[in-house]
Amino acid sequence: MRIKFTAGRVDSFKCASGKSSEFMWDTEQPGLGLKASPGGSKQYILQSRLATGSPIRVTIGKPATWTIEAVREEARRLQGLIDQGHDPRQKKAEQAAQDEAAREQAKAEAIRNTITVQTAWNDYIANNTGCWGERHLKDHQNLSQAGGQPKKRGTGKTVQGVLYPLLRMRMVDISAEVLTDWQIREAQARANNARQGFEMFRAFWRWCGQQKDYKTLIDVLAVENQGLRKKVPSRQSKTLDVLHLAQLQDWFAAVRDLSNPIISAYLQGLLLTGARREELAELKWTDVNFKIGGMWVKDKVEDEGRMIPLTPHVSSLITALPRRNQWVFSSPTAADGKLAEPRIAHNRALDAAGLEHVTLHGLRRTFASLAEWVEMPVGVVAQIMGHKPNATAERHYKSRPLELLAIWHGKYEAWILEQAGVEFAQSEQVQGLRVVK
């Protein structure tokens, strides 16, 4: 049936009973038809032929969404494509693909504009947690913390980490200029943290540049900018951290007053033996020989370790410790059963004594520095501390027995305890004790 389409005719057109479909064709626009199906469903269509002569039928849409004039215009557009040798169905599929691509791009752009540095930082930490040491991981956590939380030890609240302001930003907003301003600002208040924070952020940013989810979001060269690098505080050379002679009395008083006797004994042992922190922490009961007055400690120079004197005061400290497990300096809360983190208690003792910060390695340096006061030979100091011998004679001809090391080591301990005001009767029995001024 061919008839001029009107709103009334389109609305009243229905599929006759018993038929699968029925068509009405518009006299105003060739090829434009209205297809009615059982149940009242109706669709505008365009029926034509491609340049190859093959028939084609294209669905335009429902009458509810197309006015008659609009559907005629659409039919003319589709017929124009056919006349130009195109298949409207293919064009529609291409347009749909383009629309989908545009939506995906818009979605990606939306994600790009919302991903924060914190999101990538969390992935970075998770990716490296199994590779980093406990101390390295803790440094990353401390420098990225939000701050404002009650301290786990002591009073007050935690301080915001130097990296935290960057973590709150979007990744797309990080630039060399932003990082430069950040370094200038942080360096004014905490230069060392600013430098350390930059080194951590640079490693993190380079990692992001290798990840498919982040590399398109960032300017990976931002951290390499020369202007920025000039604003990063340099590592300042400092005087070696050691305890000075005048500080011994206050230090020993504060350390001996610690509530944990194991940490107290451990810290005194570091200063009196000159051992590395790991060497003393890993001392086992089987390594201690009270009978001959010596103990084996692990050594990074000699694979088999080294035997050092067990001086009287250190011996008394060790004897008083509980034998919980194989470790001399044990810890019931540590996973491996041995002392893990004595620095907190040491820092607390330094604060109580009003002393400047001294690292645990600084106690080892103190041993070497103060040994000169009792004129301990350099070779003896090196052998006790586990340093590689320097001179040819030391390397190839001298290997001092434990008894000789004990004479000098005992003099050193006795003198240290005297200067610190620590009363210990056995120290008075050491021969040849004198104060060198």
Protein backbone atom coordinates (compact mmCIF):
# COMPACT_ATOMS: atom_id res chain seq x y z
CA MET A 1 0.00 0.00 0.00
CA ARG A 2 1.42 3.36 -1.04
CA ILE A 3 0.07 6.44 0.65
CA LYS A 4 1.25 9.79 1.86
CA PHE A 5 2.39 9.40 5.46
CA THR A 6 0.51 11.43 8.02
CA ALA A 7 0.56 11.19 11.80
CA GLY A 8 -2.95 9.71 11.85
CA ARG A 9 -2.25 7.09 9.19
CA VAL A 10 1.02 6.05 10.82
CA ASP A 11 -0.66 5.78 14.21
CA SER A 12 -3.61 3.71 12.91
CA PHE A 13 -1.55 1.35 10.74
CA LYS A 14 -1.49 -2.20 12.12
CA CYS A 15 -0.49 -5.67 11.06
CA ALA A 16 -3.52 -7.65 9.91
CA SER A 17 -4.42 -10.73 11.88
CA GLY A 18 -2.67 -13.88 10.71
CA LYS A 19 0.16 -12.06 8.92
CA SER A 20 3.81 -12.00 10.07
CA SER A 21 4.27 -8.39 8.93
CA GLU A 22 2.67 -5.72 6.80
CA PHE A 23 4.13 -2.68 5.02
CA MET A 24 2.92 0.81 4.12
CA TRP A 25 5.01 2.91 1.72
CA ASP A 26 5.33 6.70 1.60
CA THR A 27 4.53 8.41 -1.70
CA GLU A 28 6.58 11.50 -0.75
CA GLN A 29 9.92 9.72 -0.20
CA PRO A 30 10.71 6.73 -2.43
CA GLY A 31 11.82 3.65 -0.51
CA LEU A 32 10.57 4.90 2.87
CA GLY A 33 8.24 2.42 4.47
CA LEU A 34 6.54 1.56 7.73
CA LYS A 35 6.66 -2.07 8.84
CA ALA A 36 4.02 -3.32 11.26
CA SER A 37 4.44 -6.57 13.18
CA PRO A 38 2.01 -8.63 15.29
CA GLY A 39 1.56 -7.19 18.74
CA GLY A 40 1.58 -3.56 17.60
CA SER A 41 5.32 -3.10 16.98
CA LYS A 42 6.15 -0.68 14.13
CA GLN A 43 9.45 0.42 12.54
CA TYR A 44 10.36 2.92 9.79
CA ILE A 45 12.54 1.32 7.13
CA LEU A 46 14.29 2.26 3.91
CA GLN A 47 14.23 -0.25 1.10
CA SER A 48 16.57 0.21 -1.87
CA ARG A 49 19.30 -1.44 -3.94
CA LEU A 50 23.09 -1.18 -3.65
CA ALA A 51 25.28 -0.32 -6.60
CA THR A 52 25.81 -4.06 -7.09
CA GLY A 53 22.06 -4.50 -7.57
CA SER A 54 21.61 -6.35 -4.28
CA PRO A 55 18.48 -5.38 -2.36
CA ILE A 56 18.95 -3.66 0.98
CA ARG A 57 16.61 -2.86 3.82
CA VAL A 58 17.74 -0.49 6.57
CA THR A 59 15.83 -0.02 9.82
CA ILE A 60 15.51 3.65 10.76
CA GLY A 61 13.53 3.60 14.00
CA LYS A 62 10.17 3.65 15.74
CA PRO A 63 7.48 6.21 14.94
CA ALA A 64 7.47 7.24 18.60
CA THR A 65 10.97 8.69 18.20
CA TRP A 66 10.79 10.00 14.63
CA THR A 67 8.53 12.68 13.21
CA ILE A 68 7.43 12.17 9.63
CA GLU A 69 9.56 15.01 8.31
CA ALA A 70 12.60 13.80 10.27
CA VAL A 71 12.25 10.24 9.04
CA ARG A 72 11.90 11.41 5.44
CA GLU A 73 15.12 13.45 5.88
CA GLU A 74 16.89 10.42 7.29
CA ALA A 75 15.65 8.28 4.41
CA ARG A 76 17.04 10.83 1.91
CA ARG A 77 20.40 10.80 3.73
CA LEU A 78 20.61 7.01 3.66
CA GLN A 79 19.59 6.92 0.00
CA GLY A 80 22.33 9.46 -0.72
CA LEU A 81 24.89 7.11 0.79
CA ILE A 82 23.58 4.26 -1.33
CA ASP A 83 23.74 6.41 -4.44
CA GLN A 84 27.40 7.13 -3.62
CA GLY A 85 28.12 3.41 -3.50
CA HIS A 86 28.13 2.98 0.29
CA ASP A 87 26.30 0.46 2.44
CA PRO A 88 24.50 2.40 5.22
CA ARG A 89 24.69 -0.65 7.47
CA GLN A 90 28.48 -0.63 7.25
CA LYS A 91 28.55 3.11 7.85
CA LYS A 92 26.36 2.61 10.89
CA ALA A 93 28.70 -0.07 12.23
CA GLU A 94 31.72 2.18 11.64
CA GLN A 95 29.99 5.05 13.39
CA ALA A 96 29.10 2.78 16.31
CA ALA A 97 32.75 1.74 16.56
CA GLN A 98 33.84 5.37 16.50
CA ASP A 99 31.30 6.24 19.17
CA GLU A 100 32.52 3.34 21.33
CA ALA A 101 36.12 4.42 20.88
CA ALA A 102 35.18 7.96 21.85
CA ARG A 103 33.43 6.67 24.97
CA GLU A 104 36.46 4.56 25.90
CA GLN A 105 38.75 7.53 25.38
CA ALA A 106 36.51 9.71 27.50
CA LYS A 107 36.51 7.01 30.19
CA ALA A 108 40.30 6.72 30.05
CA GLU A 109 40.61 10.49 30.23
CA ALA A 110 38.34 10.54 33.26
CA ILE A 111 40.50 7.89 34.94
CA ARG A 112 43.63 9.76 33.90
CA ASN A 113 42.32 12.87 35.58
CA THR A 114 41.46 11.10 38.84
CA ILE A 115 44.37 8.68 39.54
CA THR A 116 46.35 10.03 42.47
CA VAL A 117 50.00 9.50 43.24
CA GLN A 118 48.86 7.62 46.35
CA THR A 119 47.24 4.92 44.19
CA ALA A 120 50.45 4.26 42.27
CA TRP A 121 52.52 4.56 45.47
CA ASN A 122 50.47 1.81 47.12
CA ASP A 123 51.13 -0.45 44.11
CA TYR A 124 54.83 0.42 44.26
CA ILE A 125 55.08 -0.49 47.96
CA ALA A 126 53.14 -3.74 47.46
CA ASN A 127 55.35 -4.66 44.51
CA ASN A 128 58.55 -4.22 46.55
CA THR A 129 57.49 -5.36 50.02
CA GLY A 130 58.97 -8.82 49.53
CA CYS A 131 62.22 -7.43 48.09
CA TRP A 132 63.12 -4.64 50.51
CA GLY A 133 64.55 -5.04 53.96
CA GLU A 134 62.45 -4.17 57.00
CA ARG A 135 64.32 -0.92 57.65
CA HIS A 136 64.05 0.26 54.02
CA LEU A 137 60.33 -0.46 53.95
CA LYS A 138 59.82 1.34 57.26
CA ASP A 139 61.62 4.42 55.91
CA HIS A 140 59.20 4.54 52.96
CA GLN A 141 56.23 4.22 55.30
CA ASN A 142 57.50 6.93 57.65
CA LEU A 143 58.21 9.45 54.91
CA SER A 144 54.79 8.91 53.31
CA GLN A 145 52.61 8.85 56.43
CA ALA A 146 49.79 11.35 56.88
CA GLY A 147 50.84 12.17 60.42
CA GLY A 148 48.61 13.34 63.23
CA GLN A 149 48.25 9.88 64.79
CA PRO A 150 49.14 9.13 68.42
CA LYS A 151 52.68 7.84 68.69
CA LYS A 152 53.01 4.14 69.52
CA ARG A 153 55.80 5.02 71.92
CA GLY A 154 55.86 8.13 74.06
CA THR A 155 53.49 11.05 73.92
CA GLY A 156 52.44 13.36 71.12
CA LYS A 157 51.43 12.66 67.55
CA THR A 158 53.27 11.50 64.48
CA VAL A 159 54.64 14.06 62.03
CA GLN A 160 53.46 14.23 58.43
CA GLY A 161 55.93 12.53 56.09
CA VAL A 162 57.81 14.63 53.57
CA LEU A 163 56.25 12.68 50.67
CA TYR A 164 52.65 13.00 51.83
CA PRO A 165 51.84 16.30 50.00
CA LEU A 166 52.83 14.68 46.68
CA LEU A 167 50.76 11.55 47.33
CA ARG A 168 47.57 13.62 47.56
CA MET A 169 48.06 15.05 44.07
CA ARG A 170 46.92 13.63 40.73
CA MET A 171 49.65 11.94 38.75
CA VAL A 172 49.02 14.19 35.75
CA ASP A 173 49.75 17.25 37.91
CA ILE A 174 53.27 16.21 38.91
CA SER A 175 55.83 18.26 37.02
CA ALA A 176 59.40 19.43 37.50
CA GLU A 177 58.07 22.79 38.70
CA VAL A 178 55.81 21.14 41.29
CA LEU A 179 58.67 18.98 42.55
CA THR A 180 61.02 21.95 42.71
CA ASP A 181 58.57 23.96 44.83
CA TRP A 182 58.09 20.90 47.05
CA GLN A 183 61.83 20.49 47.61
CA ILE A 184 62.36 24.18 48.39
CA ARG A 185 59.53 24.12 50.90
CA GLU A 186 60.53 20.90 52.66
CA ALA A 187 64.26 21.64 52.67
CA GLN A 188 63.68 24.74 54.76
CA ALA A 189 62.33 22.69 57.64
CA ARG A 190 63.98 19.27 57.25
CA ALA A 191 66.76 19.15 54.70
CA ASN A 192 67.83 15.56 55.27
CA ASN A 193 64.26 14.26 54.97
CA ALA A 194 63.74 16.38 51.86
CA ARG A 195 66.78 14.80 50.19
CA GLN A 196 65.82 11.30 51.28
CA GLY A 197 62.23 11.87 50.16
CA PHE A 198 63.38 13.03 46.72
CA GLU A 199 65.55 9.93 46.27
CA MET A 200 62.60 7.70 47.17
CA PHE A 201 60.23 9.60 44.89
CA ARG A 202 62.68 9.49 41.98
CA ALA A 203 62.97 5.69 42.24
CA PHE A 204 59.18 5.43 42.48
CA TRP A 205 58.63 7.74 39.47
CA ARG A 206 61.06 5.76 37.35
CA TRP A 207 59.17 2.60 38.30
CA CYS A 208 55.90 4.22 37.20
CA GLY A 209 57.51 4.98 33.84
CA GLN A 210 57.87 1.22 33.29
CA GLN A 211 54.28 0.28 34.20
CA LYS A 212 51.65 0.16 31.44
CA ASP A 213 48.97 1.53 33.79
CA TYR A 214 50.97 4.63 34.70
CA LYS A 215 53.57 5.41 32.04
CA THR A 216 51.10 7.32 29.86
CA LEU A 217 50.00 9.47 32.79
CA ILE A 218 53.33 10.95 33.79
CA ASP A 219 56.28 12.96 32.63
CA VAL A 220 58.96 10.48 33.63
CA LEU A 221 61.71 13.05 33.00
CA ALA A 222 60.30 15.41 35.63
CA VAL A 223 62.57 13.90 38.30
CA GLU A 224 65.64 14.35 36.06
CA ASN A 225 65.19 18.12 35.65
CA GLN A 226 68.47 19.89 36.39
CA GLY A 227 66.77 22.86 38.02
CA LEU A 228 65.02 20.51 40.41
CA ARG A 229 68.21 18.54 41.17
CA LYS A 230 69.97 21.75 42.19
CA LYS A 231 67.32 22.39 44.84
CA VAL A 232 67.70 18.96 46.45
CA PRO A 233 69.81 19.32 49.63
CA SER A 234 73.19 17.65 49.29
CA ARG A 235 74.56 15.10 51.68
CA GLN A 236 76.45 17.18 54.18
CA SER A 237 79.62 15.71 55.60
CA LYS A 238 79.34 15.57 59.37
CA THR A 239 81.71 14.90 62.20
CA LEU A 240 81.56 11.20 62.99
CA ASP A 241 78.94 10.58 65.64
CA VAL A 242 80.72 9.35 68.76
CA LEU A 243 80.42 9.69 72.49
CA HIS A 244 83.00 12.01 73.95
CA LEU A 245 84.86 11.35 77.16
CA ALA A 246 82.84 13.93 79.09
CA GLN A 247 79.58 12.25 77.99
CA LEU A 248 80.37 8.76 79.25
CA GLN A 249 79.02 9.25 82.76
CA ASP A 250 75.65 10.55 81.57
CA TRP A 251 75.39 7.92 78.85
CA PHE A 252 76.12 4.97 81.14
CA ALA A 253 73.73 6.30 83.78
CA ALA A 254 70.90 6.60 81.27
CA VAL A 255 71.57 3.26 79.55
CA ARG A 256 71.92 1.36 82.85
CA ASP A 257 68.62 2.91 83.93
CA LEU A 258 66.69 1.44 80.97
CA SER A 259 63.81 -0.81 82.01
CA ASN A 260 64.87 -3.56 79.62
CA PRO A 261 68.06 -5.19 81.00
CA ILE A 262 68.76 -6.99 77.71
CA ILE A 263 68.85 -3.77 75.71
CA SER A 264 70.88 -2.12 78.47
CA ALA A 265 73.46 -4.92 78.38
CA TYR A 266 73.49 -4.91 74.58
CA LEU A 267 74.19 -1.17 74.31
CA GLN A 268 76.96 -1.33 76.89
CA GLY A 269 78.37 -4.31 75.03
CA LEU A 270 78.51 -2.35 71.76
CA LEU A 271 80.57 0.40 73.34
CA LEU A 272 82.85 -1.92 75.33
CA THR A 273 83.57 -4.43 72.54
CA GLY A 274 83.47 -2.25 69.42
CA ALA A 275 81.43 -4.97 67.69
CA ARG A 276 79.09 -4.23 64.82
CA ARG A 277 75.44 -4.10 65.83
CA GLU A 278 74.54 -7.27 63.90
CA GLU A 279 77.54 -9.16 65.27
CA LEU A 280 76.51 -8.62 68.88
CA ALA A 281 72.78 -9.07 68.22
CA GLU A 282 73.45 -12.50 66.70
CA LEU A 283 75.63 -13.71 69.58
CA LYS A 284 74.57 -17.17 70.76
CA TRP A 285 75.14 -18.79 74.14
CA THR A 286 77.26 -21.41 72.40
CA ASP A 287 79.53 -18.59 71.16
CA VAL A 288 80.39 -17.49 74.71
CA ASN A 289 83.20 -19.28 76.56
CA PHE A 290 83.28 -18.11 80.16
CA LYS A 291 86.12 -20.48 80.98
CA ILE A 292 88.70 -18.97 78.63
CA GLY A 293 87.15 -15.51 78.69
CA GLY A 294 86.31 -15.14 75.01
CA MET A 295 83.42 -15.12 72.55
CA TRP A 296 83.03 -15.78 68.84
CA VAL A 297 81.29 -13.09 66.85
CA LYS A 298 80.29 -13.14 63.19
CA ASP A 299 82.57 -11.18 60.94
CA LYS A 300 82.02 -9.63 57.53
CA VAL A 301 85.78 -9.83 56.87
CA GLU A 302 86.52 -13.39 58.02
CA ASP A 303 83.97 -16.07 57.12
CA GLU A 304 84.67 -18.09 60.28
CA GLY A 305 84.22 -15.03 62.48
CA ARG A 306 86.66 -13.86 65.14
CA MET A 307 87.33 -14.53 68.79
CA ILE A 308 87.35 -11.44 71.01
CA PRO A 309 87.96 -11.12 74.74
CA LEU A 310 85.06 -11.53 77.15
CA THR A 311 85.99 -8.70 79.48
CA PRO A 312 84.93 -8.79 83.14
CA HIS A 313 82.11 -6.25 83.00
CA VAL A 314 80.69 -7.57 79.71
CA SER A 315 80.88 -11.08 81.21
CA SER A 316 78.87 -9.96 84.26
CA LEU A 317 76.27 -8.31 82.01
CA ILE A 318 75.84 -11.47 79.92
CA THR A 319 75.76 -13.77 82.95
CA ALA A 320 72.83 -11.85 84.39
CA LEU A 321 70.69 -12.25 81.26
CA PRO A 322 67.89 -14.85 81.05
CA ARG A 323 68.51 -17.88 78.86
CA ARG A 324 65.21 -17.94 76.94
CA ASN A 325 66.58 -19.44 73.75
CA GLN A 326 69.82 -19.74 71.76
CA TRP A 327 70.36 -15.98 71.61
CA VAL A 328 72.27 -14.11 74.32
CA PHE A 329 70.33 -10.91 73.62
CA SER A 330 66.92 -12.53 73.29
CA SER A 331 63.49 -11.03 72.74
CA PRO A 332 60.23 -12.84 73.60
CA THR A 333 58.29 -10.67 71.14
CA ALA A 334 60.59 -10.94 68.09
CA ALA A 335 59.72 -13.49 65.42
CA ASP A 336 63.24 -14.96 65.42
CA GLY A 337 63.66 -14.69 69.18
CA LYS A 338 66.53 -12.18 69.21
CA LEU A 339 66.78 -8.46 69.82
CA ALA A 340 65.62 -6.62 66.71
CA GLU A 341 65.31 -2.88 67.27
CA PRO A 342 67.34 -1.41 70.18
CA ARG A 343 67.59 2.04 68.61
CA ILE A 344 64.34 3.29 70.09
CA ALA A 345 65.48 2.54 73.63
CA HIS A 346 68.91 4.01 72.90
CA ASN A 347 67.39 7.23 71.58
CA ARG A 348 65.22 7.39 74.68
CA ALA A 349 68.31 7.07 76.87
CA LEU A 350 70.10 9.80 74.90
CA ASP A 351 67.13 12.11 75.36
CA ALA A 352 67.00 11.36 79.07
CA ALA A 353 70.70 12.16 79.38
CA GLY A 354 70.38 15.32 77.29
CA LEU A 355 72.92 14.04 74.75
CA GLU A 356 73.01 14.60 71.01
CA HIS A 357 71.98 11.76 68.74
CA VAL A 358 74.52 8.95 68.47
CA THR A 359 73.85 5.94 66.25
CA LEU A 360 74.50 2.35 67.26
CA HIS A 361 77.39 2.39 64.82
CA GLY A 362 78.55 5.52 66.61
CA LEU A 363 79.12 3.38 69.71
CA ARG A 364 81.49 1.25 67.63
CA ARG A 365 83.28 4.40 66.54
CA THR A 366 83.46 5.45 70.18
CA PHE A 367 85.38 2.27 70.99
CA ALA A 368 87.99 3.09 68.36
CA SER A 369 88.21 6.75 69.38
CA LEU A 370 88.55 6.24 73.12
CA ALA A 371 90.96 3.29 72.78
CA GLU A 372 93.76 5.81 72.20
CA TRP A 373 93.36 7.05 75.78
CA VAL A 374 94.81 3.78 77.09
CA GLU A 375 97.38 3.67 74.28
CA MET A 376 95.89 0.48 72.84
CA PRO A 377 97.93 -0.48 69.76
CA VAL A 378 96.19 0.17 66.46
CA GLY A 379 96.60 -3.45 65.44
CA VAL A 380 94.92 -4.64 68.63
CA VAL A 381 92.02 -2.27 68.06
CA ALA A 382 91.62 -3.50 64.48
CA GLN A 383 91.74 -7.17 65.48
CA ILE A 384 89.12 -6.74 68.20
CA MET A 385 86.85 -4.68 65.95
CA GLY A 386 87.27 -6.99 62.96
CA HIS A 387 88.91 -4.49 60.62
CA LYS A 388 91.12 -5.62 57.79
CA PRO A 389 94.81 -5.09 58.73
CA ASN A 390 96.48 -2.33 56.76
CA ALA A 391 100.22 -2.80 57.10
CA THR A 392 102.07 -5.70 55.50
CA ALA A 393 103.30 -6.91 58.87
CA GLU A 394 99.78 -6.93 60.24
CA ARG A 395 98.43 -8.82 57.23
CA HIS A 396 101.07 -11.50 56.99
CA TYR A 397 103.00 -11.84 60.23
CA LYS A 398 100.94 -10.88 63.27
CA SER A 399 98.11 -12.87 64.82
CA ARG A 400 97.74 -11.88 68.47
CA PRO A 401 96.48 -14.53 70.87
CA LEU A 402 93.33 -13.98 72.84
CA GLU A 403 95.33 -13.52 76.06
CA LEU A 404 97.22 -10.55 74.63
CA LEU A 405 94.05 -8.97 73.27
CA ALA A 406 92.45 -9.46 76.70
CA ILE A 407 95.18 -7.50 78.46
CA TRP A 408 94.59 -4.40 76.36
CA HIS A 409 90.85 -4.89 76.15
CA GLY A 410 90.63 -5.24 79.93
CA LYS A 411 92.58 -2.01 80.41
CA TYR A 412 90.21 -0.25 78.05
CA GLU A 413 87.08 -1.51 79.82
CA ALA A 414 88.39 -0.67 83.27
CA TRP A 415 89.31 2.83 82.20
CA ILE A 416 85.95 3.42 80.51
CA LEU A 417 84.06 2.29 83.62
CA GLU A 418 86.22 4.54 85.77
CA GLN A 419 85.50 7.57 83.58
CA ALA A 420 81.80 6.70 83.59
CA GLY A 421 81.69 6.37 87.35
CA VAL A 422 80.55 2.76 87.16
CA GLU A 423 81.70 0.76 90.16
CA PHE A 424 82.91 -2.69 89.22
CA ALA A 425 85.32 -4.47 91.55
CA GLN A 426 86.90 -6.77 88.97
CA SER A 427 88.06 -3.84 86.87
CA GLU A 428 90.47 -2.86 89.65
CA GLN A 429 92.36 -6.13 89.24
CA VAL A 430 93.56 -5.27 85.74
CA GLN A 431 97.30 -4.76 85.75
CA GLY A 432 98.88 -1.56 84.56
CA LEU A 433 95.72 0.53 84.64
CA ARG A 434 96.42 4.23 84.32
CA VAL A 435 94.75 7.33 83.00
CA VAL A 436 96.62 8.88 80.09
CA LYS A 437 96.16 12.62 79.86
